[in-house]
Amino acid sequence: MDFTHDILRVLHVVSFVFMSVPLFNLIVVNERAIIGGGLTYGTDRYMENIIRRGATRCYVFQSTAFATGVGLLLVGPLGLSSLWASWVILAKWIILLALMALLSFVHLRLQPRIETLISVLDPNTPVSADLGPQLKPLRVLRKRLATICLFLVLSAIILGMQVYGTFSPTLNALLFASAALFAWRANRTVVRFGWL
């Protein structure tokens, strides 16, 4: 039983760590902004491929976190009743469901609209002047949602460290504020030097 519980814990934590896709999508988008200039086939198609394909990976990590979370409650010392008895575990579940919903919105609704617009890009054809203004609001919304997702992933990790014993309210406030600040910073800058 301990072996199974320990394996589930490792898989659960690693799944949340690998859900850092929003951070790397923000980095990609901010790196694209540094390049500047208008839309180009090579640059914009490459960026959209990275972002679009990240969704599948994120679904796998989210599903793994969900399944291992259920497994941990079933085989671990806390039991399934801790889902509603522990605010930390309940908050983690709500965050995971919110992450799944946001990813589904982006992947199933927003990204197809972006793909439809960008499908007209061709390496041998000049880019239409009206494509940028049509694409920009969709990309801005996607970037904002990635920022929210990054904050939620960081929050889930902060809560995950408190499953067996909670931190003080002051430390929690500081950690969540730091997570929000880092997510905001990742939205605004390239985050070239990690924390710095």
N, C-alpha and C. Protein backbone atom coordinates (compact mmCIF):
# COMPACT_ATOMS: atom_id res chain seq x y z
N MET A 1 0.82 -1.19 0.00
CA MET A 1 0.00 0.00 0.00
C MET A 1 0.87 1.25 0.00
N ASP A 2 1.92 1.30 0.81
CA ASP A 2 2.80 2.47 0.84
C ASP A 2 3.48 2.69 -0.50
N PHE A 3 3.89 1.60 -1.15
CA PHE A 3 4.55 1.71 -2.45
C PHE A 3 3.60 2.35 -3.47
N THR A 4 2.38 1.87 -3.53
CA THR A 4 1.38 2.41 -4.46
C THR A 4 1.11 3.87 -4.14
N HIS A 5 0.94 4.18 -2.88
CA HIS A 5 0.69 5.57 -2.46
C HIS A 5 1.85 6.47 -2.86
N ASP A 6 3.07 6.02 -2.66
CA ASP A 6 4.25 6.83 -2.99
C ASP A 6 4.37 7.05 -4.50
N ILE A 7 4.11 6.00 -5.28
CA ILE A 7 4.15 6.13 -6.74
C ILE A 7 3.08 7.14 -7.21
N LEU A 8 1.89 7.03 -6.64
CA LEU A 8 0.81 7.97 -7.01
C LEU A 8 1.19 9.40 -6.65
N ARG A 9 1.83 9.59 -5.50
CA ARG A 9 2.25 10.93 -5.09
C ARG A 9 3.26 11.51 -6.08
N VAL A 10 4.23 10.71 -6.46
CA VAL A 10 5.24 11.18 -7.42
C VAL A 10 4.57 11.55 -8.75
N LEU A 11 3.73 10.67 -9.27
CA LEU A 11 3.05 10.95 -10.53
C LEU A 11 2.16 12.18 -10.43
N HIS A 12 1.52 12.35 -9.30
CA HIS A 12 0.63 13.49 -9.09
C HIS A 12 1.42 14.79 -9.10
N VAL A 13 2.51 14.85 -8.37
CA VAL A 13 3.32 16.06 -8.31
C VAL A 13 3.96 16.35 -9.67
N VAL A 14 4.51 15.33 -10.31
CA VAL A 14 5.15 15.52 -11.61
C VAL A 14 4.13 16.01 -12.64
N SER A 15 2.90 15.50 -12.58
CA SER A 15 1.86 15.95 -13.51
C SER A 15 1.59 17.44 -13.35
N PHE A 16 1.53 17.92 -12.12
CA PHE A 16 1.31 19.36 -11.91
C PHE A 16 2.51 20.17 -12.38
N VAL A 17 3.70 19.67 -12.15
CA VAL A 17 4.89 20.38 -12.61
C VAL A 17 4.89 20.47 -14.14
N PHE A 18 4.52 19.38 -14.80
CA PHE A 18 4.50 19.38 -16.27
C PHE A 18 3.35 20.22 -16.85
N MET A 19 2.42 20.62 -16.01
CA MET A 19 1.35 21.51 -16.48
C MET A 19 1.84 22.94 -16.58
N SER A 20 3.14 23.12 -16.68
CA SER A 20 3.71 24.46 -16.81
C SER A 20 3.61 24.96 -18.25
N VAL A 21 2.83 24.28 -19.08
CA VAL A 21 2.64 24.69 -20.47
C VAL A 21 2.23 26.16 -20.58
N PRO A 22 1.33 26.69 -19.71
CA PRO A 22 0.99 28.11 -19.85
C PRO A 22 2.21 29.03 -19.73
N LEU A 23 3.14 28.70 -18.85
CA LEU A 23 4.34 29.52 -18.72
C LEU A 23 5.12 29.53 -20.03
N PHE A 24 5.33 28.37 -20.60
CA PHE A 24 6.13 28.29 -21.82
C PHE A 24 5.39 28.88 -23.02
N ASN A 25 4.06 28.79 -23.03
CA ASN A 25 3.30 29.47 -24.09
C ASN A 25 3.44 30.98 -23.96
N LEU A 26 3.43 31.50 -22.73
CA LEU A 26 3.63 32.93 -22.53
C LEU A 26 5.02 33.35 -22.98
N ILE A 27 6.00 32.52 -22.71
CA ILE A 27 7.37 32.82 -23.15
C ILE A 27 7.44 32.86 -24.67
N VAL A 28 6.81 31.87 -25.32
CA VAL A 28 6.81 31.83 -26.79
C VAL A 28 6.15 33.08 -27.37
N VAL A 29 5.00 33.44 -26.82
CA VAL A 29 4.27 34.61 -27.32
C VAL A 29 5.09 35.88 -27.11
N ASN A 30 5.72 36.02 -25.96
CA ASN A 30 6.53 37.22 -25.70
C ASN A 30 7.79 37.25 -26.55
N GLU A 31 8.36 36.09 -26.82
CA GLU A 31 9.52 36.03 -27.73
C GLU A 31 9.09 36.45 -29.14
N ARG A 32 7.88 36.04 -29.53
CA ARG A 32 7.36 36.43 -30.86
C ARG A 32 7.22 37.95 -30.93
N ALA A 33 6.77 38.56 -29.86
CA ALA A 33 6.61 40.02 -29.85
C ALA A 33 7.95 40.73 -30.01
N ILE A 34 9.02 40.14 -29.48
CA ILE A 34 10.35 40.74 -29.61
C ILE A 34 10.79 40.77 -31.07
N ILE A 35 10.42 39.72 -31.80
CA ILE A 35 10.79 39.66 -33.22
C ILE A 35 10.19 40.84 -33.97
N GLY A 36 8.97 41.21 -33.55
CA GLY A 36 8.32 42.37 -34.14
C GLY A 36 7.87 42.12 -35.56
N GLY A 37 7.57 43.20 -36.22
CA GLY A 37 7.12 43.10 -37.60
C GLY A 37 5.71 42.55 -37.69
N GLY A 38 5.22 42.46 -38.87
CA GLY A 38 3.88 41.95 -39.10
C GLY A 38 3.87 40.43 -39.08
N LEU A 39 2.74 39.92 -39.47
CA LEU A 39 2.57 38.47 -39.54
C LEU A 39 3.43 37.90 -40.67
N THR A 40 4.07 36.79 -40.38
CA THR A 40 4.83 36.09 -41.41
C THR A 40 4.49 34.61 -41.32
N TYR A 41 4.52 33.94 -42.44
CA TYR A 41 4.14 32.54 -42.47
C TYR A 41 5.01 31.70 -41.54
N GLY A 42 6.30 31.77 -41.70
CA GLY A 42 7.21 30.90 -40.94
C GLY A 42 7.11 31.11 -39.44
N THR A 43 7.21 32.34 -39.00
CA THR A 43 7.22 32.65 -37.57
C THR A 43 5.88 32.36 -36.92
N ASP A 44 4.81 32.85 -37.53
CA ASP A 44 3.50 32.70 -36.90
C ASP A 44 2.96 31.28 -36.98
N ARG A 45 3.25 30.58 -38.07
CA ARG A 45 2.82 29.19 -38.17
C ARG A 45 3.55 28.33 -37.14
N TYR A 46 4.85 28.58 -36.97
CA TYR A 46 5.65 27.84 -35.99
C TYR A 46 5.13 28.08 -34.57
N MET A 47 4.88 29.35 -34.24
CA MET A 47 4.38 29.68 -32.91
C MET A 47 3.02 29.02 -32.66
N GLU A 48 2.13 29.11 -33.61
CA GLU A 48 0.80 28.50 -33.44
C GLU A 48 0.88 26.98 -33.33
N ASN A 49 1.81 26.36 -34.04
CA ASN A 49 1.97 24.90 -33.91
C ASN A 49 2.41 24.52 -32.50
N ILE A 50 3.32 25.28 -31.93
CA ILE A 50 3.79 25.00 -30.57
C ILE A 50 2.62 25.12 -29.59
N ILE A 51 1.86 26.19 -29.70
CA ILE A 51 0.76 26.43 -28.77
C ILE A 51 -0.34 25.39 -28.96
N ARG A 52 -0.71 25.12 -30.21
CA ARG A 52 -1.80 24.17 -30.50
C ARG A 52 -1.46 22.77 -30.00
N ARG A 53 -0.25 22.35 -30.24
CA ARG A 53 0.14 20.98 -29.85
C ARG A 53 0.36 20.83 -28.35
N GLY A 54 0.58 21.92 -27.66
CA GLY A 54 0.74 21.87 -26.21
C GLY A 54 -0.53 21.45 -25.49
N ALA A 55 -1.67 21.69 -26.11
CA ALA A 55 -2.96 21.36 -25.48
C ALA A 55 -3.09 19.87 -25.22
N THR A 56 -2.70 19.06 -26.17
CA THR A 56 -2.80 17.60 -26.00
C THR A 56 -1.93 17.14 -24.83
N ARG A 57 -0.71 17.65 -24.78
CA ARG A 57 0.17 17.29 -23.67
C ARG A 57 -0.46 17.71 -22.34
N CYS A 58 -1.03 18.90 -22.31
CA CYS A 58 -1.62 19.40 -21.07
C CYS A 58 -2.82 18.55 -20.66
N TYR A 59 -3.64 18.11 -21.63
CA TYR A 59 -4.75 17.22 -21.31
C TYR A 59 -4.25 15.93 -20.65
N VAL A 60 -3.15 15.40 -21.15
CA VAL A 60 -2.59 14.17 -20.58
C VAL A 60 -2.13 14.42 -19.15
N PHE A 61 -1.43 15.53 -18.91
CA PHE A 61 -0.96 15.84 -17.56
C PHE A 61 -2.13 16.10 -16.61
N GLN A 62 -3.15 16.81 -17.10
CA GLN A 62 -4.32 17.07 -16.26
C GLN A 62 -5.05 15.77 -15.92
N SER A 63 -5.20 14.91 -16.89
CA SER A 63 -5.87 13.62 -16.65
C SER A 63 -5.08 12.78 -15.66
N THR A 64 -3.77 12.81 -15.79
CA THR A 64 -2.92 12.07 -14.86
C THR A 64 -3.05 12.63 -13.46
N ALA A 65 -3.05 13.96 -13.33
CA ALA A 65 -3.22 14.58 -12.02
C ALA A 65 -4.57 14.22 -11.42
N PHE A 66 -5.61 14.21 -12.24
CA PHE A 66 -6.95 13.85 -11.78
C PHE A 66 -6.98 12.40 -11.29
N ALA A 67 -6.48 11.49 -12.14
CA ALA A 67 -6.51 10.06 -11.79
C ALA A 67 -5.65 9.75 -10.57
N THR A 68 -4.47 10.33 -10.50
CA THR A 68 -3.61 10.06 -9.34
C THR A 68 -4.17 10.71 -8.09
N GLY A 69 -4.84 11.86 -8.24
CA GLY A 69 -5.49 12.49 -7.09
C GLY A 69 -6.58 11.60 -6.51
N VAL A 70 -7.40 11.02 -7.38
CA VAL A 70 -8.43 10.08 -6.93
C VAL A 70 -7.76 8.87 -6.28
N GLY A 71 -6.72 8.37 -6.93
CA GLY A 71 -6.00 7.22 -6.38
C GLY A 71 -5.42 7.50 -5.00
N LEU A 72 -4.85 8.68 -4.84
CA LEU A 72 -4.29 9.06 -3.53
C LEU A 72 -5.36 9.09 -2.45
N LEU A 73 -6.53 9.58 -2.80
CA LEU A 73 -7.61 9.62 -1.81
C LEU A 73 -8.12 8.21 -1.49
N LEU A 74 -8.12 7.35 -2.49
CA LEU A 74 -8.63 5.98 -2.28
C LEU A 74 -7.67 5.10 -1.49
N VAL A 75 -6.37 5.20 -1.78
CA VAL A 75 -5.41 4.29 -1.12
C VAL A 75 -4.63 4.96 0.00
N GLY A 76 -4.72 6.27 0.11
CA GLY A 76 -3.94 6.99 1.11
C GLY A 76 -4.65 7.10 2.45
N PRO A 77 -3.98 7.70 3.39
CA PRO A 77 -4.52 7.80 4.75
C PRO A 77 -5.67 8.80 4.89
N LEU A 78 -5.82 9.72 3.93
CA LEU A 78 -6.83 10.76 4.06
C LEU A 78 -8.24 10.27 3.71
N GLY A 79 -8.33 9.39 2.75
CA GLY A 79 -9.63 8.85 2.35
C GLY A 79 -10.42 9.80 1.46
N LEU A 80 -11.41 9.26 0.79
CA LEU A 80 -12.22 10.01 -0.15
C LEU A 80 -13.01 11.13 0.54
N SER A 81 -13.35 10.93 1.81
CA SER A 81 -14.12 11.95 2.52
C SER A 81 -13.34 13.26 2.70
N SER A 82 -12.01 13.21 2.56
CA SER A 82 -11.21 14.43 2.71
C SER A 82 -11.48 15.41 1.56
N LEU A 83 -12.09 14.92 0.49
CA LEU A 83 -12.41 15.79 -0.63
C LEU A 83 -13.33 16.93 -0.19
N TRP A 84 -14.25 16.65 0.70
CA TRP A 84 -15.14 17.70 1.20
C TRP A 84 -14.79 18.11 2.63
N ALA A 85 -13.92 17.35 3.30
CA ALA A 85 -13.57 17.69 4.68
C ALA A 85 -12.34 18.61 4.76
N SER A 86 -11.51 18.61 3.73
CA SER A 86 -10.28 19.42 3.74
C SER A 86 -10.41 20.53 2.70
N TRP A 87 -10.33 21.78 3.15
CA TRP A 87 -10.44 22.89 2.20
C TRP A 87 -9.30 22.88 1.19
N VAL A 88 -8.13 22.38 1.60
CA VAL A 88 -6.98 22.35 0.70
C VAL A 88 -7.24 21.38 -0.46
N ILE A 89 -7.70 20.20 -0.15
CA ILE A 89 -7.95 19.20 -1.19
C ILE A 89 -9.11 19.65 -2.07
N LEU A 90 -10.15 20.18 -1.47
CA LEU A 90 -11.28 20.68 -2.25
C LEU A 90 -10.83 21.80 -3.19
N ALA A 91 -10.03 22.70 -2.69
CA ALA A 91 -9.53 23.81 -3.52
C ALA A 91 -8.68 23.28 -4.68
N LYS A 92 -7.85 22.28 -4.42
CA LYS A 92 -7.04 21.68 -5.49
C LYS A 92 -7.93 21.08 -6.57
N TRP A 93 -9.00 20.39 -6.17
CA TRP A 93 -9.92 19.79 -7.14
C TRP A 93 -10.62 20.87 -7.96
N ILE A 94 -11.05 21.92 -7.30
CA ILE A 94 -11.72 23.01 -8.02
C ILE A 94 -10.76 23.65 -9.01
N ILE A 95 -9.52 23.86 -8.59
CA ILE A 95 -8.51 24.43 -9.49
C ILE A 95 -8.27 23.52 -10.68
N LEU A 96 -8.14 22.23 -10.44
CA LEU A 96 -7.91 21.29 -11.55
C LEU A 96 -9.08 21.31 -12.53
N LEU A 97 -10.30 21.33 -12.02
CA LEU A 97 -11.47 21.39 -12.90
C LEU A 97 -11.50 22.71 -13.67
N ALA A 98 -11.12 23.81 -13.03
CA ALA A 98 -11.05 25.10 -13.72
C ALA A 98 -9.99 25.08 -14.82
N LEU A 99 -8.84 24.46 -14.53
CA LEU A 99 -7.79 24.33 -15.55
C LEU A 99 -8.27 23.52 -16.74
N MET A 100 -8.99 22.43 -16.46
CA MET A 100 -9.53 21.61 -17.55
C MET A 100 -10.54 22.39 -18.38
N ALA A 101 -11.37 23.17 -17.73
CA ALA A 101 -12.37 23.97 -18.44
C ALA A 101 -11.71 25.06 -19.29
N LEU A 102 -10.72 25.74 -18.73
CA LEU A 102 -10.03 26.78 -19.48
C LEU A 102 -9.28 26.20 -20.68
N LEU A 103 -8.60 25.08 -20.48
CA LEU A 103 -7.89 24.44 -21.59
C LEU A 103 -8.88 24.02 -22.67
N SER A 104 -10.01 23.48 -22.27
CA SER A 104 -11.02 23.05 -23.25
C SER A 104 -11.56 24.25 -24.03
N PHE A 105 -11.79 25.36 -23.35
CA PHE A 105 -12.27 26.56 -24.05
C PHE A 105 -11.23 27.02 -25.08
N VAL A 106 -9.98 27.09 -24.66
CA VAL A 106 -8.94 27.55 -25.57
C VAL A 106 -8.77 26.57 -26.72
N HIS A 107 -8.70 25.29 -26.41
CA HIS A 107 -8.40 24.28 -27.44
C HIS A 107 -9.58 24.05 -28.39
N LEU A 108 -10.79 24.06 -27.86
CA LEU A 108 -11.94 23.71 -28.68
C LEU A 108 -12.66 24.91 -29.29
N ARG A 109 -12.50 26.10 -28.71
CA ARG A 109 -13.21 27.27 -29.22
C ARG A 109 -12.28 28.35 -29.76
N LEU A 110 -11.30 28.73 -28.96
CA LEU A 110 -10.45 29.87 -29.33
C LEU A 110 -9.40 29.49 -30.38
N GLN A 111 -8.67 28.41 -30.15
CA GLN A 111 -7.61 28.02 -31.08
C GLN A 111 -8.14 27.71 -32.48
N PRO A 112 -9.29 27.04 -32.63
CA PRO A 112 -9.80 26.83 -33.99
C PRO A 112 -10.10 28.14 -34.73
N ARG A 113 -10.55 29.15 -34.00
CA ARG A 113 -10.79 30.45 -34.64
C ARG A 113 -9.47 31.08 -35.10
N ILE A 114 -8.44 30.94 -34.26
CA ILE A 114 -7.12 31.44 -34.64
C ILE A 114 -6.59 30.67 -35.84
N GLU A 115 -6.74 29.35 -35.80
CA GLU A 115 -6.26 28.50 -36.91
C GLU A 115 -6.97 28.85 -38.22
N THR A 116 -8.27 29.12 -38.15
CA THR A 116 -9.01 29.49 -39.35
C THR A 116 -8.45 30.77 -39.95
N LEU A 117 -8.19 31.75 -39.10
CA LEU A 117 -7.65 33.02 -39.60
C LEU A 117 -6.23 32.85 -40.15
N ILE A 118 -5.43 32.09 -39.45
CA ILE A 118 -4.02 31.98 -39.84
C ILE A 118 -3.81 31.01 -41.02
N SER A 119 -4.83 30.23 -41.33
CA SER A 119 -4.71 29.27 -42.43
C SER A 119 -4.49 29.95 -43.77
N VAL A 120 -4.80 31.25 -43.87
CA VAL A 120 -4.59 31.97 -45.13
C VAL A 120 -3.12 32.34 -45.33
N LEU A 121 -2.33 32.24 -44.26
CA LEU A 121 -0.91 32.56 -44.42
C LEU A 121 -0.26 31.55 -45.34
N ASP A 122 0.55 32.07 -46.22
CA ASP A 122 1.24 31.24 -47.20
C ASP A 122 2.63 31.82 -47.39
N PRO A 123 3.65 30.98 -47.52
CA PRO A 123 5.01 31.54 -47.64
C PRO A 123 5.21 32.38 -48.90
N ASN A 124 4.36 32.19 -49.89
CA ASN A 124 4.57 32.89 -51.17
C ASN A 124 3.57 34.00 -51.43
N THR A 125 2.70 34.28 -50.47
CA THR A 125 1.65 35.28 -50.67
C THR A 125 1.79 36.37 -49.61
N PRO A 126 1.68 37.63 -50.01
CA PRO A 126 1.72 38.71 -49.00
C PRO A 126 0.54 38.58 -48.03
N VAL A 127 0.78 38.99 -46.80
CA VAL A 127 -0.24 38.89 -45.75
C VAL A 127 -1.23 40.04 -45.91
N SER A 128 -2.50 39.72 -45.84
CA SER A 128 -3.55 40.73 -45.93
C SER A 128 -3.45 41.69 -44.74
N ALA A 129 -3.69 42.96 -44.99
CA ALA A 129 -3.57 43.98 -43.94
C ALA A 129 -4.62 43.83 -42.85
N ASP A 130 -5.75 43.20 -43.16
CA ASP A 130 -6.81 43.06 -42.16
C ASP A 130 -6.67 41.81 -41.30
N LEU A 131 -5.70 40.95 -41.60
CA LEU A 131 -5.52 39.72 -40.81
C LEU A 131 -5.04 40.03 -39.40
N GLY A 132 -4.07 40.91 -39.24
CA GLY A 132 -3.54 41.25 -37.93
C GLY A 132 -4.59 41.76 -36.96
N PRO A 133 -5.40 42.75 -37.36
CA PRO A 133 -6.45 43.24 -36.46
C PRO A 133 -7.51 42.19 -36.10
N GLN A 134 -7.75 41.22 -36.98
CA GLN A 134 -8.70 40.15 -36.67
C GLN A 134 -8.10 39.14 -35.69
N LEU A 135 -6.80 38.91 -35.84
CA LEU A 135 -6.11 37.91 -35.03
C LEU A 135 -5.76 38.42 -33.64
N LYS A 136 -5.43 39.68 -33.53
CA LYS A 136 -4.93 40.23 -32.27
C LYS A 136 -5.86 40.02 -31.07
N PRO A 137 -7.16 40.32 -31.15
CA PRO A 137 -8.01 40.13 -29.96
C PRO A 137 -8.07 38.67 -29.50
N LEU A 138 -8.02 37.75 -30.43
CA LEU A 138 -8.05 36.33 -30.07
C LEU A 138 -6.76 35.93 -29.37
N ARG A 139 -5.65 36.42 -29.88
CA ARG A 139 -4.37 36.11 -29.25
C ARG A 139 -4.24 36.77 -27.88
N VAL A 140 -4.74 37.98 -27.74
CA VAL A 140 -4.71 38.67 -26.45
C VAL A 140 -5.54 37.89 -25.42
N LEU A 141 -6.73 37.44 -25.82
CA LEU A 141 -7.57 36.66 -24.91
C LEU A 141 -6.87 35.37 -24.52
N ARG A 142 -6.28 34.69 -25.48
CA ARG A 142 -5.57 33.44 -25.20
C ARG A 142 -4.41 33.69 -24.24
N LYS A 143 -3.71 34.79 -24.39
CA LYS A 143 -2.60 35.12 -23.50
C LYS A 143 -3.09 35.40 -22.09
N ARG A 144 -4.21 36.10 -21.97
CA ARG A 144 -4.78 36.35 -20.64
C ARG A 144 -5.20 35.05 -19.97
N LEU A 145 -5.80 34.17 -20.73
CA LEU A 145 -6.23 32.88 -20.16
C LEU A 145 -5.02 32.03 -19.76
N ALA A 146 -3.95 32.10 -20.53
CA ALA A 146 -2.72 31.39 -20.16
C ALA A 146 -2.15 31.93 -18.85
N THR A 147 -2.26 33.24 -18.66
CA THR A 147 -1.80 33.86 -17.42
C THR A 147 -2.61 33.36 -16.23
N ILE A 148 -3.92 33.28 -16.40
CA ILE A 148 -4.79 32.75 -15.35
C ILE A 148 -4.44 31.29 -15.07
N CYS A 149 -4.24 30.51 -16.12
CA CYS A 149 -3.87 29.10 -15.95
C CYS A 149 -2.56 28.95 -15.20
N LEU A 150 -1.59 29.77 -15.54
CA LEU A 150 -0.30 29.72 -14.84
C LEU A 150 -0.49 30.00 -13.36
N PHE A 151 -1.28 31.02 -13.03
CA PHE A 151 -1.55 31.32 -11.63
C PHE A 151 -2.24 30.13 -10.94
N LEU A 152 -3.20 29.51 -11.61
CA LEU A 152 -3.91 28.37 -11.03
C LEU A 152 -2.98 27.17 -10.82
N VAL A 153 -2.09 26.91 -11.76
CA VAL A 153 -1.14 25.81 -11.60
C VAL A 153 -0.24 26.07 -10.40
N LEU A 154 0.29 27.29 -10.30
CA LEU A 154 1.13 27.64 -9.15
C LEU A 154 0.35 27.53 -7.85
N SER A 155 -0.90 27.96 -7.86
CA SER A 155 -1.74 27.86 -6.66
C SER A 155 -1.97 26.42 -6.26
N ALA A 156 -2.21 25.55 -7.24
CA ALA A 156 -2.41 24.13 -6.94
C ALA A 156 -1.16 23.51 -6.34
N ILE A 157 -0.01 23.92 -6.82
CA ILE A 157 1.25 23.41 -6.27
C ILE A 157 1.44 23.91 -4.83
N ILE A 158 1.13 25.18 -4.61
CA ILE A 158 1.21 25.72 -3.24
C ILE A 158 0.28 24.95 -2.31
N LEU A 159 -0.93 24.67 -2.76
CA LEU A 159 -1.88 23.91 -1.95
C LEU A 159 -1.43 22.47 -1.77
N GLY A 160 -0.83 21.91 -2.81
CA GLY A 160 -0.37 20.52 -2.73
C GLY A 160 0.66 20.30 -1.62
N MET A 161 1.42 21.34 -1.32
CA MET A 161 2.39 21.24 -0.24
C MET A 161 1.74 21.30 1.13
N GLN A 162 0.42 21.56 1.15
CA GLN A 162 -0.28 21.73 2.42
C GLN A 162 -1.32 20.63 2.69
N VAL A 163 -1.27 19.56 1.95
CA VAL A 163 -2.27 18.50 2.11
C VAL A 163 -2.21 17.90 3.52
N TYR A 164 -1.02 17.73 4.05
CA TYR A 164 -0.87 17.08 5.36
C TYR A 164 -0.65 18.07 6.50
N GLY A 165 -0.63 19.35 6.19
CA GLY A 165 -0.45 20.38 7.22
C GLY A 165 -0.41 21.74 6.56
N THR A 166 -1.32 22.62 6.93
CA THR A 166 -1.44 23.90 6.25
C THR A 166 -0.42 24.92 6.77
N PHE A 167 -0.10 25.86 5.90
CA PHE A 167 0.77 26.97 6.26
C PHE A 167 -0.05 28.03 6.98
N SER A 168 0.62 28.99 7.55
CA SER A 168 -0.07 30.09 8.21
C SER A 168 -0.80 30.93 7.16
N PRO A 169 -1.86 31.61 7.55
CA PRO A 169 -2.56 32.49 6.61
C PRO A 169 -1.64 33.56 5.99
N THR A 170 -0.71 34.07 6.79
CA THR A 170 0.21 35.08 6.28
C THR A 170 1.10 34.51 5.18
N LEU A 171 1.64 33.31 5.42
CA LEU A 171 2.49 32.69 4.41
C LEU A 171 1.68 32.36 3.17
N ASN A 172 0.46 31.86 3.35
CA ASN A 172 -0.39 31.58 2.19
C ASN A 172 -0.65 32.84 1.38
N ALA A 173 -0.96 33.93 2.05
CA ALA A 173 -1.21 35.19 1.35
C ALA A 173 0.03 35.62 0.58
N LEU A 174 1.18 35.49 1.18
CA LEU A 174 2.44 35.84 0.53
C LEU A 174 2.71 34.95 -0.68
N LEU A 175 2.49 33.64 -0.53
CA LEU A 175 2.74 32.70 -1.63
C LEU A 175 1.78 32.93 -2.80
N PHE A 176 0.50 33.12 -2.50
CA PHE A 176 -0.46 33.35 -3.58
C PHE A 176 -0.22 34.69 -4.26
N ALA A 177 0.16 35.69 -3.49
CA ALA A 177 0.51 36.98 -4.09
C ALA A 177 1.74 36.85 -4.98
N SER A 178 2.71 36.07 -4.53
CA SER A 178 3.92 35.84 -5.34
C SER A 178 3.57 35.09 -6.63
N ALA A 179 2.68 34.12 -6.53
CA ALA A 179 2.25 33.38 -7.72
C ALA A 179 1.55 34.31 -8.71
N ALA A 180 0.70 35.18 -8.19
CA ALA A 180 0.00 36.14 -9.06
C ALA A 180 0.98 37.10 -9.70
N LEU A 181 1.94 37.58 -8.93
CA LEU A 181 2.95 38.50 -9.46
C LEU A 181 3.79 37.82 -10.54
N PHE A 182 4.19 36.58 -10.31
CA PHE A 182 4.99 35.87 -11.31
C PHE A 182 4.18 35.63 -12.57
N ALA A 183 2.91 35.24 -12.44
CA ALA A 183 2.06 35.02 -13.62
C ALA A 183 1.91 36.32 -14.40
N TRP A 184 1.70 37.43 -13.69
CA TRP A 184 1.58 38.73 -14.35
C TRP A 184 2.88 39.08 -15.07
N ARG A 185 3.99 38.83 -14.40
CA ARG A 185 5.30 39.13 -15.01
C ARG A 185 5.54 38.28 -16.25
N ALA A 186 5.16 36.99 -16.18
CA ALA A 186 5.32 36.11 -17.34
C ALA A 186 4.44 36.58 -18.50
N ASN A 187 3.33 37.23 -18.19
CA ASN A 187 2.45 37.77 -19.23
C ASN A 187 3.10 38.98 -19.89
N ARG A 188 3.82 39.77 -19.12
CA ARG A 188 4.35 41.05 -19.59
C ARG A 188 5.76 41.00 -20.16
N THR A 189 6.57 40.02 -19.71
CA THR A 189 7.97 39.99 -20.13
C THR A 189 8.34 38.60 -20.63
N VAL A 190 9.55 38.48 -21.12
CA VAL A 190 10.03 37.21 -21.66
C VAL A 190 10.51 36.26 -20.56
N VAL A 191 10.72 36.75 -19.34
CA VAL A 191 11.21 35.95 -18.22
C VAL A 191 12.53 35.27 -18.62
N ARG A 192 13.45 36.08 -19.08
CA ARG A 192 14.73 35.54 -19.57
C ARG A 192 15.55 34.84 -18.51
N PHE A 193 15.50 35.31 -17.29
CA PHE A 193 16.35 34.76 -16.25
C PHE A 193 15.55 34.09 -15.14
N GLY A 194 14.47 33.41 -15.48
CA GLY A 194 13.68 32.69 -14.50
C GLY A 194 13.02 33.61 -13.50
N TRP A 195 13.39 33.49 -12.25
CA TRP A 195 12.79 34.30 -11.20
C TRP A 195 13.16 35.77 -11.29
N LEU A 196 14.32 36.05 -11.84
CA LEU A 196 14.82 37.43 -11.86
C LEU A 196 14.16 38.26 -12.93
